[in-house]
């Protein structure tokens, strides 16, 4: 079977191409396995800057849901991961 004929996996929210865009930061912040340290290394945005971007970009209910998720799951920091 040729590689072109392989079925392609569809992802609900694929990774945005531009790492420096707010879309990528929001995508990475929602991802469980990407820590704030990795986001800072790739984009230069600190955790507080990511929180500000999320607050500006998301609806209030989505932001609260994200904050609850980040605070309850202790995997968004490398030392807790």
C-alpha atoms as a PDB file:
ATOM      1  CA  UNK A   1       0.000   0.000   0.000  1.00  0.00           C
ATOM      2  CA  UNK A   2       1.403   3.359  -0.999  1.00  0.00           C
ATOM      3  CA  UNK A   3       1.860   6.025   1.621  1.00  0.00           C
ATOM      4  CA  UNK A   4      -0.618   8.290  -0.190  1.00  0.00           C
ATOM      5  CA  UNK A   5      -3.366   5.720   0.311  1.00  0.00           C
ATOM      6  CA  UNK A   6      -2.993   5.586   4.091  1.00  0.00           C
ATOM      7  CA  UNK A   7      -6.026   6.919   5.931  1.00  0.00           C
ATOM      8  CA  UNK A   8      -5.396  10.304   7.438  1.00  0.00           C
ATOM      9  CA  UNK A   9      -6.163  10.845  11.090  1.00  0.00           C
ATOM     10  CA  UNK A  10      -8.544  13.728  11.572  1.00  0.00           C
ATOM     11  CA  UNK A  11      -7.991  15.859  14.628  1.00  0.00           C
ATOM     12  CA  UNK A  12     -10.792  17.927  16.087  1.00  0.00           C
ATOM     13  CA  UNK A  13      -8.524  20.927  16.638  1.00  0.00           C
ATOM     14  CA  UNK A  14      -5.313  20.574  14.577  1.00  0.00           C
ATOM     15  CA  UNK A  15      -2.204  22.458  15.609  1.00  0.00           C
ATOM     16  CA  UNK A  16      -2.020  25.953  14.033  1.00  0.00           C
ATOM     17  CA  UNK A  17       0.961  26.471  11.723  1.00  0.00           C
ATOM     18  CA  UNK A  18       2.238  29.804  13.105  1.00  0.00           C
ATOM     19  CA  UNK A  19       3.764  29.285  16.556  1.00  0.00           C
ATOM     20  CA  UNK A  20       3.852  33.019  17.319  1.00  0.00           C
ATOM     21  CA  UNK A  21       0.124  33.514  16.782  1.00  0.00           C
ATOM     22  CA  UNK A  22      -2.436  33.711  19.566  1.00  0.00           C
ATOM     23  CA  UNK A  23      -4.215  30.745  17.973  1.00  0.00           C
ATOM     24  CA  UNK A  24      -1.210  28.518  18.683  1.00  0.00           C
ATOM     25  CA  UNK A  25      -0.927  29.804  22.251  1.00  0.00           C
ATOM     26  CA  UNK A  26      -4.615  29.081  22.887  1.00  0.00           C
ATOM     27  CA  UNK A  27      -4.268  25.631  21.301  1.00  0.00           C
ATOM     28  CA  UNK A  28      -1.206  24.849  23.432  1.00  0.00           C
ATOM     29  CA  UNK A  29      -2.831  26.171  26.619  1.00  0.00           C
ATOM     30  CA  UNK A  30      -5.810  23.823  26.126  1.00  0.00           C
ATOM     31  CA  UNK A  31      -3.507  20.864  25.383  1.00  0.00           C
ATOM     32  CA  UNK A  32      -2.939  18.730  28.470  1.00  0.00           C
ATOM     33  CA  UNK A  33       0.583  17.605  27.630  1.00  0.00           C
ATOM     34  CA  UNK A  34       2.056  21.021  26.830  1.00  0.00           C
ATOM     35  CA  UNK A  35       3.375  22.788  29.912  1.00  0.00           C
ATOM     36  CA  UNK A  36       3.620  26.534  30.484  1.00  0.00           C
ATOM     37  CA  UNK A  37       7.406  26.160  30.414  1.00  0.00           C
ATOM     38  CA  UNK A  38       7.269  24.702  26.888  1.00  0.00           C
ATOM     39  CA  UNK A  39       4.951  27.505  25.755  1.00  0.00           C
ATOM     40  CA  UNK A  40       7.399  30.056  27.179  1.00  0.00           C
ATOM     41  CA  UNK A  41      10.361  28.369  25.500  1.00  0.00           C
ATOM     42  CA  UNK A  42       8.665  28.378  22.075  1.00  0.00           C
ATOM     43  CA  UNK A  43       6.891  31.760  22.167  1.00  0.00           C
ATOM     44  CA  UNK A  44       8.535  33.773  24.939  1.00  0.00           C
ATOM     45  CA  UNK A  45       5.168  34.277  26.673  1.00  0.00           C
ATOM     46  CA  UNK A  46       5.122  33.738  30.424  1.00  0.00           C
ATOM     47  CA  UNK A  47       2.299  31.991  32.263  1.00  0.00           C
ATOM     48  CA  UNK A  48       0.695  35.296  33.247  1.00  0.00           C
ATOM     49  CA  UNK A  49       0.817  36.510  29.637  1.00  0.00           C
ATOM     50  CA  UNK A  50      -0.807  33.266  28.468  1.00  0.00           C
ATOM     51  CA  UNK A  51      -3.561  33.743  31.066  1.00  0.00           C
ATOM     52  CA  UNK A  52      -4.142  37.306  29.807  1.00  0.00           C
ATOM     53  CA  UNK A  53      -4.362  36.074  26.204  1.00  0.00           C
ATOM     54  CA  UNK A  54      -6.806  33.359  27.228  1.00  0.00           C
ATOM     55  CA  UNK A  55      -8.925  35.849  29.194  1.00  0.00           C
ATOM     56  CA  UNK A  56      -9.071  38.216  26.202  1.00  0.00           C
ATOM     57  CA  UNK A  57      -9.719  35.548  23.579  1.00  0.00           C
ATOM     58  CA  UNK A  58     -12.162  33.157  25.240  1.00  0.00           C
ATOM     59  CA  UNK A  59     -15.738  33.645  26.324  1.00  0.00           C
ATOM     60  CA  UNK A  60     -15.990  34.170  30.110  1.00  0.00           C
ATOM     61  CA  UNK A  61     -17.491  30.715  30.685  1.00  0.00           C
ATOM     62  CA  UNK A  62     -14.789  29.053  28.558  1.00  0.00           C
ATOM     63  CA  UNK A  63     -12.077  30.941  30.416  1.00  0.00           C
ATOM     64  CA  UNK A  64     -13.474  29.816  33.796  1.00  0.00           C
ATOM     65  CA  UNK A  65     -13.642  26.236  32.535  1.00  0.00           C
ATOM     66  CA  UNK A  66     -10.022  26.428  31.337  1.00  0.00           C
ATOM     67  CA  UNK A  67      -8.789  27.931  34.635  1.00  0.00           C
ATOM     68  CA  UNK A  68     -10.605  25.254  36.614  1.00  0.00           C
ATOM     69  CA  UNK A  69      -9.056  22.590  34.392  1.00  0.00           C
ATOM     70  CA  UNK A  70      -5.540  24.034  34.695  1.00  0.00           C
ATOM     71  CA  UNK A  71      -5.782  24.430  38.467  1.00  0.00           C
ATOM     72  CA  UNK A  72      -7.252  20.989  39.118  1.00  0.00           C
ATOM     73  CA  UNK A  73      -4.829  19.146  36.847  1.00  0.00           C
ATOM     74  CA  UNK A  74      -1.329  19.695  38.077  1.00  0.00           C
ATOM     75  CA  UNK A  75       0.347  18.866  34.759  1.00  0.00           C
ATOM     76  CA  UNK A  76       0.664  22.347  33.263  1.00  0.00           C
ATOM     77  CA  UNK A  77       3.982  22.842  35.093  1.00  0.00           C
ATOM     78  CA  UNK A  78       7.065  20.766  34.304  1.00  0.00           C
ATOM     79  CA  UNK A  79       7.985  20.063  37.949  1.00  0.00           C
ATOM     80  CA  UNK A  80       4.485  18.749  38.688  1.00  0.00           C
ATOM     81  CA  UNK A  81       4.293  16.803  35.411  1.00  0.00           C
END
